Structure formats: C-alpha cells, structure tokens
C-alpha cells in the first residue's frame, strides 16, 4: 500500500494520473460523438419515413376519390400499356 501511495505522490505518479485523465477524456469524447452521430442518423431516417408516409397518404387520398376504372386508366400511362 505504501508503494502505491509513494508512486501516486511522485512526479511519475502525477504523470500517470494525468495520462489516465487524458485517456478518459478522449474516450468520453469518442463515445459522446458516436452517440450524437447515431442520433443524427435516426433523425434523418425518421424524417425520410415521415416524407414517405406523407406521400403515401396523398396518393391514397387521390385514389380513394375516384372510381376503380378511372384509376386503371390513369395508371396505364405510367405502366407503359
């Protein structure tokens, strides 16, 4: 126990503690950055999903107000028939 306390109190011990502090700070910054990047990606995917759902709703609303035969006629121009 005395040897450990002596090492901590010496100049080398101070350098070891300082180095450990720097490594801890770097690790903390790294993991915080990864978490932030993951959150940004999730937000980007959520926004894309919301846009897609909005488009689907618009298409369903447009199709729902017409007769099936009219919808088939309108789809023919897109299908190449």
PDB file of N, CA and C in Angstrom:
ATOM      1  N   UNK A   1       0.824  -1.185   0.000  1.00  0.00           N
ATOM      2  CA  UNK A   1       0.000   0.000   0.000  1.00  0.00           C
ATOM      3  C   UNK A   1       0.865   1.244   0.000  1.00  0.00           C
ATOM      4  N   UNK A   2       1.937   1.185   0.734  1.00  0.00           N
ATOM      5  CA  UNK A   2       2.842   2.326   0.804  1.00  0.00           C
ATOM      6  C   UNK A   2       3.511   2.593  -0.531  1.00  0.00           C
ATOM      7  N   UNK A   3       3.809   1.521  -1.276  1.00  0.00           N
ATOM      8  CA  UNK A   3       4.449   1.691  -2.578  1.00  0.00           C
ATOM      9  C   UNK A   3       3.498   2.372  -3.563  1.00  0.00           C
ATOM     10  N   UNK A   4       2.230   2.011  -3.505  1.00  0.00           N
ATOM     11  CA  UNK A   4       1.245   2.632  -4.401  1.00  0.00           C
ATOM     12  C   UNK A   4       1.084   4.102  -4.064  1.00  0.00           C
ATOM     13  N   UNK A   5       0.993   4.396  -2.765  1.00  0.00           N
ATOM     14  CA  UNK A   5       0.868   5.790  -2.333  1.00  0.00           C
ATOM     15  C   UNK A   5       2.115   6.577  -2.697  1.00  0.00           C
ATOM     16  N   UNK A   6       3.282   5.968  -2.562  1.00  0.00           N
ATOM     17  CA  UNK A   6       4.534   6.632  -2.932  1.00  0.00           C
ATOM     18  C   UNK A   6       4.574   6.922  -4.426  1.00  0.00           C
ATOM     19  N   UNK A   7       4.092   6.000  -5.258  1.00  0.00           N
ATOM     20  CA  UNK A   7       4.077   6.209  -6.701  1.00  0.00           C
ATOM     21  C   UNK A   7       3.131   7.355  -7.068  1.00  0.00           C
ATOM     22  N   UNK A   8       1.969   7.387  -6.435  1.00  0.00           N
ATOM     23  CA  UNK A   8       0.993   8.441  -6.726  1.00  0.00           C
ATOM     24  C   UNK A   8       1.544   9.807  -6.330  1.00  0.00           C
ATOM     25  N   UNK A   9       2.270   9.873  -5.255  1.00  0.00           N
ATOM     26  CA  UNK A   9       2.790  11.148  -4.759  1.00  0.00           C
ATOM     27  C   UNK A   9       4.031  11.597  -5.526  1.00  0.00           C
ATOM     28  N   UNK A  10       4.660  10.727  -6.285  1.00  0.00           N
ATOM     29  CA  UNK A  10       5.869  11.114  -7.010  1.00  0.00           C
ATOM     30  C   UNK A  10       5.495  11.807  -8.313  1.00  0.00           C
ATOM     31  N   UNK A  11       6.515  12.346  -8.998  1.00  0.00           N
ATOM     32  CA  UNK A  11       6.283  13.010 -10.280  1.00  0.00           C
ATOM     33  C   UNK A  11       5.777  12.021 -11.320  1.00  0.00           C
ATOM     34  N   UNK A  12       6.317  10.804 -11.309  1.00  0.00           N
ATOM     35  CA  UNK A  12       5.868   9.789 -12.262  1.00  0.00           C
ATOM     36  C   UNK A  12       4.402   9.452 -12.021  1.00  0.00           C
ATOM     37  N   UNK A  13       4.010   9.415 -10.769  1.00  0.00           N
ATOM     38  CA  UNK A  13       2.606   9.135 -10.433  1.00  0.00           C
ATOM     39  C   UNK A  13       1.698  10.242 -10.940  1.00  0.00           C
ATOM     40  N   UNK A  14       2.149  11.477 -10.843  1.00  0.00           N
ATOM     41  CA  UNK A  14       1.362  12.597 -11.363  1.00  0.00           C
ATOM     42  C   UNK A  14       1.196  12.502 -12.863  1.00  0.00           C
ATOM     43  N   UNK A  15       2.259  12.084 -13.548  1.00  0.00           N
ATOM     44  CA  UNK A  15       2.186  11.914 -14.995  1.00  0.00           C
ATOM     45  C   UNK A  15       1.231  10.774 -15.349  1.00  0.00           C
ATOM     46  N   UNK A  16       1.277   9.694 -14.579  1.00  0.00           N
ATOM     47  CA  UNK A  16       0.355   8.582 -14.814  1.00  0.00           C
ATOM     48  C   UNK A  16      -1.095   9.006 -14.609  1.00  0.00           C
ATOM     49  N   UNK A  17      -1.355   9.745 -13.572  1.00  0.00           N
ATOM     50  CA  UNK A  17      -2.718  10.219 -13.311  1.00  0.00           C
ATOM     51  C   UNK A  17      -3.157  11.181 -14.412  1.00  0.00           C
ATOM     52  N   UNK A  18      -2.267  12.059 -14.814  1.00  0.00           N
ATOM     53  CA  UNK A  18      -2.593  12.995 -15.900  1.00  0.00           C
ATOM     54  C   UNK A  18      -2.869  12.267 -17.207  1.00  0.00           C
ATOM     55  N   UNK A  19      -2.026  11.268 -17.508  1.00  0.00           N
ATOM     56  CA  UNK A  19      -2.232  10.475 -18.726  1.00  0.00           C
ATOM     57  C   UNK A  19      -3.548   9.722 -18.686  1.00  0.00           C
ATOM     58  N   UNK A  20      -3.874   9.173 -17.532  1.00  0.00           N
ATOM     59  CA  UNK A  20      -5.145   8.466 -17.387  1.00  0.00           C
ATOM     60  C   UNK A  20      -6.316   9.432 -17.574  1.00  0.00           C
ATOM     61  N   UNK A  21      -6.174  10.634 -17.069  1.00  0.00           N
ATOM     62  CA  UNK A  21      -7.223  11.654 -17.238  1.00  0.00           C
ATOM     63  C   UNK A  21      -7.414  12.020 -18.699  1.00  0.00           C
ATOM     64  N   UNK A  22      -6.299  12.167 -19.423  1.00  0.00           N
ATOM     65  CA  UNK A  22      -6.381  12.492 -20.853  1.00  0.00           C
ATOM     66  C   UNK A  22      -7.044  11.346 -21.615  1.00  0.00           C
ATOM     67  N   UNK A  23      -6.650  10.118 -21.333  1.00  0.00           N
ATOM     68  CA  UNK A  23      -7.263   8.962 -21.993  1.00  0.00           C
ATOM     69  C   UNK A  23      -8.758   8.882 -21.692  1.00  0.00           C
ATOM     70  N   UNK A  24      -9.131   9.151 -20.457  1.00  0.00           N
ATOM     71  CA  UNK A  24     -10.541   9.129 -20.077  1.00  0.00           C
ATOM     72  C   UNK A  24     -11.317  10.200 -20.847  1.00  0.00           C
ATOM     73  N   UNK A  25     -10.739  11.408 -20.935  1.00  0.00           N
ATOM     74  CA  UNK A  25     -11.404  12.494 -21.657  1.00  0.00           C
ATOM     75  C   UNK A  25     -11.561  12.159 -23.141  1.00  0.00           C
ATOM     76  N   UNK A  26     -10.536  11.566 -23.742  1.00  0.00           N
ATOM     77  CA  UNK A  26     -10.624  11.177 -25.153  1.00  0.00           C
ATOM     78  C   UNK A  26     -11.685  10.099 -25.363  1.00  0.00           C
ATOM     79  N   UNK A  27     -11.720   9.114 -24.478  1.00  0.00           N
ATOM     80  CA  UNK A  27     -12.722   8.047 -24.588  1.00  0.00           C
ATOM     81  C   UNK A  27     -14.126   8.613 -24.422  1.00  0.00           C
ATOM     82  N   UNK A  28     -14.289   9.520 -23.495  1.00  0.00           N
ATOM     83  CA  UNK A  28     -15.590  10.141 -23.270  1.00  0.00           C
ATOM     84  C   UNK A  28     -16.033  10.929 -24.508  1.00  0.00           C
ATOM     85  N   UNK A  29     -15.140  11.695 -25.096  1.00  0.00           N
ATOM     86  CA  UNK A  29     -15.457  12.468 -26.296  1.00  0.00           C
ATOM     87  C   UNK A  29     -15.797  11.536 -27.460  1.00  0.00           C
ATOM     88  N   UNK A  30     -15.080  10.450 -27.590  1.00  0.00           N
ATOM     89  CA  UNK A  30     -15.334   9.489 -28.662  1.00  0.00           C
ATOM     90  C   UNK A  30     -16.730   8.901 -28.542  1.00  0.00           C
ATOM     91  N   UNK A  31     -17.084   8.418 -27.363  1.00  0.00           N
ATOM     92  CA  UNK A  31     -18.387   7.786 -27.190  1.00  0.00           C
ATOM     93  C   UNK A  31     -19.525   8.793 -27.275  1.00  0.00           C
ATOM     94  N   UNK A  32     -19.291  10.004 -26.829  1.00  0.00           N
ATOM     95  CA  UNK A  32     -20.310  11.040 -26.958  1.00  0.00           C
ATOM     96  C   UNK A  32     -20.532  11.370 -28.434  1.00  0.00           C
ATOM     97  N   UNK A  33     -19.473  11.430 -29.208  1.00  0.00           N
ATOM     98  CA  UNK A  33     -19.579  11.687 -30.642  1.00  0.00           C
ATOM     99  C   UNK A  33     -20.317  10.584 -31.364  1.00  0.00           C
ATOM    100  N   UNK A  34     -20.046   9.347 -31.000  1.00  0.00           N
ATOM    101  CA  UNK A  34     -20.745   8.217 -31.629  1.00  0.00           C
ATOM    102  C   UNK A  34     -22.233   8.277 -31.310  1.00  0.00           C
ATOM    103  N   UNK A  35     -22.564   8.613 -30.085  1.00  0.00           N
ATOM    104  CA  UNK A  35     -23.962   8.710 -29.678  1.00  0.00           C
ATOM    105  C   UNK A  35     -24.661   9.825 -30.450  1.00  0.00           C
ATOM    106  N   UNK A  36     -23.982  10.944 -30.596  1.00  0.00           N
ATOM    107  CA  UNK A  36     -24.550  12.080 -31.332  1.00  0.00           C
ATOM    108  C   UNK A  36     -24.747  11.726 -32.800  1.00  0.00           C
ATOM    109  N   UNK A  37     -23.787  11.038 -33.380  1.00  0.00           N
ATOM    110  CA  UNK A  37     -23.902  10.620 -34.779  1.00  0.00           C
ATOM    111  C   UNK A  37     -25.050   9.649 -34.985  1.00  0.00           C
ATOM    112  N   UNK A  38     -25.237   8.742 -34.054  1.00  0.00           N
ATOM    113  CA  UNK A  38     -26.337   7.782 -34.151  1.00  0.00           C
ATOM    114  C   UNK A  38     -27.677   8.510 -34.059  1.00  0.00           C
ATOM    115  N   UNK A  39     -27.753   9.486 -33.185  1.00  0.00           N
ATOM    116  CA  UNK A  39     -28.990  10.252 -33.027  1.00  0.00           C
ATOM    117  C   UNK A  39     -29.306  11.031 -34.307  1.00  0.00           C
ATOM    118  N   UNK A  40     -28.284  11.603 -34.937  1.00  0.00           N
ATOM    119  CA  UNK A  40     -28.490  12.337 -36.191  1.00  0.00           C
ATOM    120  C   UNK A  40     -28.992  11.404 -37.281  1.00  0.00           C
ATOM    121  N   UNK A  41     -28.436  10.209 -37.360  1.00  0.00           N
ATOM    122  CA  UNK A  41     -28.857   9.239 -38.371  1.00  0.00           C
ATOM    123  C   UNK A  41     -30.297   8.798 -38.120  1.00  0.00           C
ATOM    124  N   UNK A  42     -30.654   8.573 -36.863  1.00  0.00           N
ATOM    125  CA  UNK A  42     -32.028   8.197 -36.544  1.00  0.00           C
ATOM    126  C   UNK A  42     -32.996   9.318 -36.921  1.00  0.00           C
ATOM    127  N   UNK A  43     -32.626  10.565 -36.660  1.00  0.00           N
ATOM    128  CA  UNK A  43     -33.469  11.699 -37.036  1.00  0.00           C
ATOM    129  C   UNK A  43     -33.618  11.794 -38.545  1.00  0.00           C
ATOM    130  N   UNK A  44     -32.537  11.542 -39.291  1.00  0.00           N
ATOM    131  CA  UNK A  44     -32.584  11.587 -40.747  1.00  0.00           C
ATOM    132  C   UNK A  44     -33.519  10.501 -41.286  1.00  0.00           C
ATOM    133  N   UNK A  45     -33.406   9.305 -40.728  1.00  0.00           N
ATOM    134  CA  UNK A  45     -34.262   8.202 -41.170  1.00  0.00           C
ATOM    135  C   UNK A  45     -35.726   8.462 -40.815  1.00  0.00           C
ATOM    136  N   UNK A  46     -35.963   9.029 -39.647  1.00  0.00           N
ATOM    137  CA  UNK A  46     -37.332   9.342 -39.230  1.00  0.00           C
ATOM    138  C   UNK A  46     -37.952  10.375 -40.165  1.00  0.00           C
ATOM    139  N   UNK A  47     -37.176  11.392 -40.559  1.00  0.00           N
ATOM    140  CA  UNK A  47     -37.678  12.415 -41.477  1.00  0.00           C
ATOM    141  C   UNK A  47     -37.997  11.804 -42.838  1.00  0.00           C
ATOM    142  N   UNK A  48     -37.142  10.910 -43.324  1.00  0.00           N
ATOM    143  CA  UNK A  48     -37.395  10.253 -44.612  1.00  0.00           C
ATOM    144  C   UNK A  48     -38.650   9.390 -44.532  1.00  0.00           C
ATOM    145  N   UNK A  49     -38.824   8.686 -43.428  1.00  0.00           N
ATOM    146  CA  UNK A  49     -40.009   7.847 -43.254  1.00  0.00           C
ATOM    147  C   UNK A  49     -41.275   8.711 -43.206  1.00  0.00           C
ATOM    148  N   UNK A  50     -41.193   9.865 -42.537  1.00  0.00           N
ATOM    149  CA  UNK A  50     -42.341  10.771 -42.467  1.00  0.00           C
ATOM    150  C   UNK A  50     -42.709  11.305 -43.849  1.00  0.00           C
ATOM    151  N   UNK A  51     -41.687  11.663 -44.665  1.00  0.00           N
ATOM    152  CA  UNK A  51     -41.961  12.137 -46.027  1.00  0.00           C
ATOM    153  C   UNK A  51     -42.630  11.048 -46.848  1.00  0.00           C
ATOM    154  N   UNK A  52     -42.145   9.819 -46.710  1.00  0.00           N
ATOM    155  CA  UNK A  52     -42.726   8.701 -47.450  1.00  0.00           C
ATOM    156  C   UNK A  52     -44.173   8.464 -47.039  1.00  0.00           C
ATOM    157  N   UNK A  53     -44.427   8.483 -45.750  1.00  0.00           N
ATOM    158  CA  UNK A  53     -45.797   8.290 -45.268  1.00  0.00           C
ATOM    159  C   UNK A  53     -46.718   9.404 -45.755  1.00  0.00           C
ATOM    160  N   UNK A  54     -46.213  10.627 -45.806  1.00  0.00           N
ATOM    161  CA  UNK A  54     -46.999  11.753 -46.301  1.00  0.00           C
ATOM    162  C   UNK A  54     -47.345  11.545 -47.774  1.00  0.00           C
ATOM    163  N   UNK A  55     -46.367  11.082 -48.562  1.00  0.00           N
ATOM    164  CA  UNK A  55     -46.612  10.808 -49.979  1.00  0.00           C
ATOM    165  C   UNK A  55     -47.650   9.689 -50.151  1.00  0.00           C
ATOM    166  N   UNK A  56     -47.527   8.653 -49.349  1.00  0.00           N
ATOM    167  CA  UNK A  56     -48.482   7.546 -49.411  1.00  0.00           C
ATOM    168  C   UNK A  56     -49.886   8.042 -49.093  1.00  0.00           C
ATOM    169  N   UNK A  57     -50.010   8.859 -48.053  1.00  0.00           N
ATOM    170  CA  UNK A  57     -51.324   9.403 -47.687  1.00  0.00           C
ATOM    171  C   UNK A  57     -51.899  10.243 -48.813  1.00  0.00           C
ATOM    172  N   UNK A  58     -51.063  11.056 -49.465  1.00  0.00           N
ATOM    173  CA  UNK A  58     -51.542  11.890 -50.574  1.00  0.00           C
ATOM    174  C   UNK A  58     -52.030  11.035 -51.734  1.00  0.00           C
ATOM    175  N   UNK A  59     -51.285   9.981 -52.038  1.00  0.00           N
ATOM    176  CA  UNK A  59     -51.689   9.092 -53.136  1.00  0.00           C
ATOM    177  C   UNK A  59     -52.989   8.369 -52.785  1.00  0.00           C
ATOM    178  N   UNK A  60     -53.087   7.852 -51.577  1.00  0.00           N
ATOM    179  CA  UNK A  60     -54.306   7.152 -51.171  1.00  0.00           C
ATOM    180  C   UNK A  60     -55.508   8.082 -51.185  1.00  0.00           C
ATOM    181  N   UNK A  61     -55.316   9.331 -50.749  1.00  0.00           N
ATOM    182  CA  UNK A  61     -56.413  10.302 -50.774  1.00  0.00           C
ATOM    183  C   UNK A  61     -56.855  10.583 -52.205  1.00  0.00           C
ATOM    184  N   UNK A  62     -55.905  10.704 -53.127  1.00  0.00           N
ATOM    185  CA  UNK A  62     -56.241  10.992 -54.521  1.00  0.00           C
ATOM    186  C   UNK A  62     -56.955   9.806 -55.159  1.00  0.00           C
ATOM    187  N   UNK A  63     -56.506   8.600 -54.882  1.00  0.00           N
ATOM    188  CA  UNK A  63     -57.089   7.406 -55.493  1.00  0.00           C
ATOM    189  C   UNK A  63     -58.454   7.099 -54.889  1.00  0.00           C
ATOM    190  N   UNK A  64     -58.632   7.350 -53.625  1.00  0.00           N
ATOM    191  CA  UNK A  64     -59.870   6.997 -52.934  1.00  0.00           C
ATOM    192  C   UNK A  64     -61.078   7.752 -53.486  1.00  0.00           C
ATOM    193  N   UNK A  65     -60.863   8.912 -54.064  1.00  0.00           N
ATOM    194  CA  UNK A  65     -61.982   9.711 -54.550  1.00  0.00           C
ATOM    195  C   UNK A  65     -62.405   9.380 -55.965  1.00  0.00           C
ATOM    196  N   UNK A  66     -61.784   8.395 -56.610  1.00  0.00           N
ATOM    197  CA  UNK A  66     -62.100   8.061 -57.999  1.00  0.00           C
ATOM    198  C   UNK A  66     -62.605   6.628 -58.107  1.00  0.00           C
ATOM    199  N   UNK A  67     -63.253   6.362 -59.213  1.00  0.00           N
ATOM    200  CA  UNK A  67     -63.731   5.007 -59.499  1.00  0.00           C
ATOM    201  C   UNK A  67     -62.541   4.121 -59.895  1.00  0.00           C
ATOM    202  N   UNK A  68     -62.622   2.815 -59.638  1.00  0.00           N
ATOM    203  CA  UNK A  68     -61.521   1.909 -59.991  1.00  0.00           C
ATOM    204  C   UNK A  68     -61.156   1.952 -61.471  1.00  0.00           C
ATOM    205  N   UNK A  69     -62.157   2.063 -62.360  1.00  0.00           N
ATOM    206  CA  UNK A  69     -61.858   2.113 -63.795  1.00  0.00           C
ATOM    207  C   UNK A  69     -61.060   3.361 -64.152  1.00  0.00           C
ATOM    208  N   UNK A  70     -61.412   4.469 -63.527  1.00  0.00           N
ATOM    209  CA  UNK A  70     -60.671   5.706 -63.791  1.00  0.00           C
ATOM    210  C   UNK A  70     -59.235   5.587 -63.293  1.00  0.00           C
ATOM    211  N   UNK A  71     -59.055   4.961 -62.140  1.00  0.00           N
ATOM    212  CA  UNK A  71     -57.699   4.753 -61.610  1.00  0.00           C
ATOM    213  C   UNK A  71     -56.880   3.876 -62.554  1.00  0.00           C
ATOM    214  N   UNK A  72     -57.508   2.812 -63.108  1.00  0.00           N
ATOM    215  CA  UNK A  72     -56.788   1.942 -64.042  1.00  0.00           C
ATOM    216  C   UNK A  72     -56.362   2.707 -65.293  1.00  0.00           C
ATOM    217  N   UNK A  73     -57.248   3.556 -65.802  1.00  0.00           N
ATOM    218  CA  UNK A  73     -56.924   4.359 -66.981  1.00  0.00           C
ATOM    219  C   UNK A  73     -55.752   5.302 -66.687  1.00  0.00           C
ATOM    220  N   UNK A  74     -55.758   5.900 -65.526  1.00  0.00           N
ATOM    221  CA  UNK A  74     -54.671   6.826 -65.166  1.00  0.00           C
ATOM    222  C   UNK A  74     -53.358   6.074 -64.971  1.00  0.00           C
ATOM    223  N   UNK A  75     -53.428   4.862 -64.469  1.00  0.00           N
ATOM    224  CA  UNK A  75     -52.208   4.086 -64.237  1.00  0.00           C
ATOM    225  C   UNK A  75     -51.611   3.548 -65.531  1.00  0.00           C
ATOM    226  N   UNK A  76     -52.413   3.415 -66.572  1.00  0.00           N
ATOM    227  CA  UNK A  76     -51.907   2.899 -67.835  1.00  0.00           C
ATOM    228  C   UNK A  76     -50.774   3.754 -68.396  1.00  0.00           C
ATOM    229  N   UNK A  77     -50.874   5.069 -68.220  1.00  0.00           N
ATOM    230  CA  UNK A  77     -49.817   5.928 -68.763  1.00  0.00           C
ATOM    231  C   UNK A  77     -48.494   5.728 -68.021  1.00  0.00           C
ATOM    232  N   UNK A  78     -48.556   5.273 -66.782  1.00  0.00           N
ATOM    233  CA  UNK A  78     -47.337   5.046 -66.005  1.00  0.00           C
ATOM    234  C   UNK A  78     -46.776   3.651 -66.242  1.00  0.00           C
ATOM    235  N   UNK A  79     -47.648   2.711 -66.576  1.00  0.00           N
ATOM    236  CA  UNK A  79     -47.187   1.335 -66.736  1.00  0.00           C
ATOM    237  C   UNK A  79     -46.713   1.029 -68.147  1.00  0.00           C
ATOM    238  N   UNK A  80     -46.974   1.951 -69.095  1.00  0.00           N
ATOM    239  CA  UNK A  80     -46.494   1.768 -70.444  1.00  0.00           C
ATOM    240  C   UNK A  80     -47.408   0.948 -71.320  1.00  0.00           C
ATOM    241  N   UNK A  81     -48.632   0.708 -70.878  1.00  0.00           N
ATOM    242  CA  UNK A  81     -49.589  -0.070 -71.683  1.00  0.00           C
ATOM    243  C   UNK A  81     -50.187   0.780 -72.765  1.00  0.00           C
TER     244      UNK A  81
END
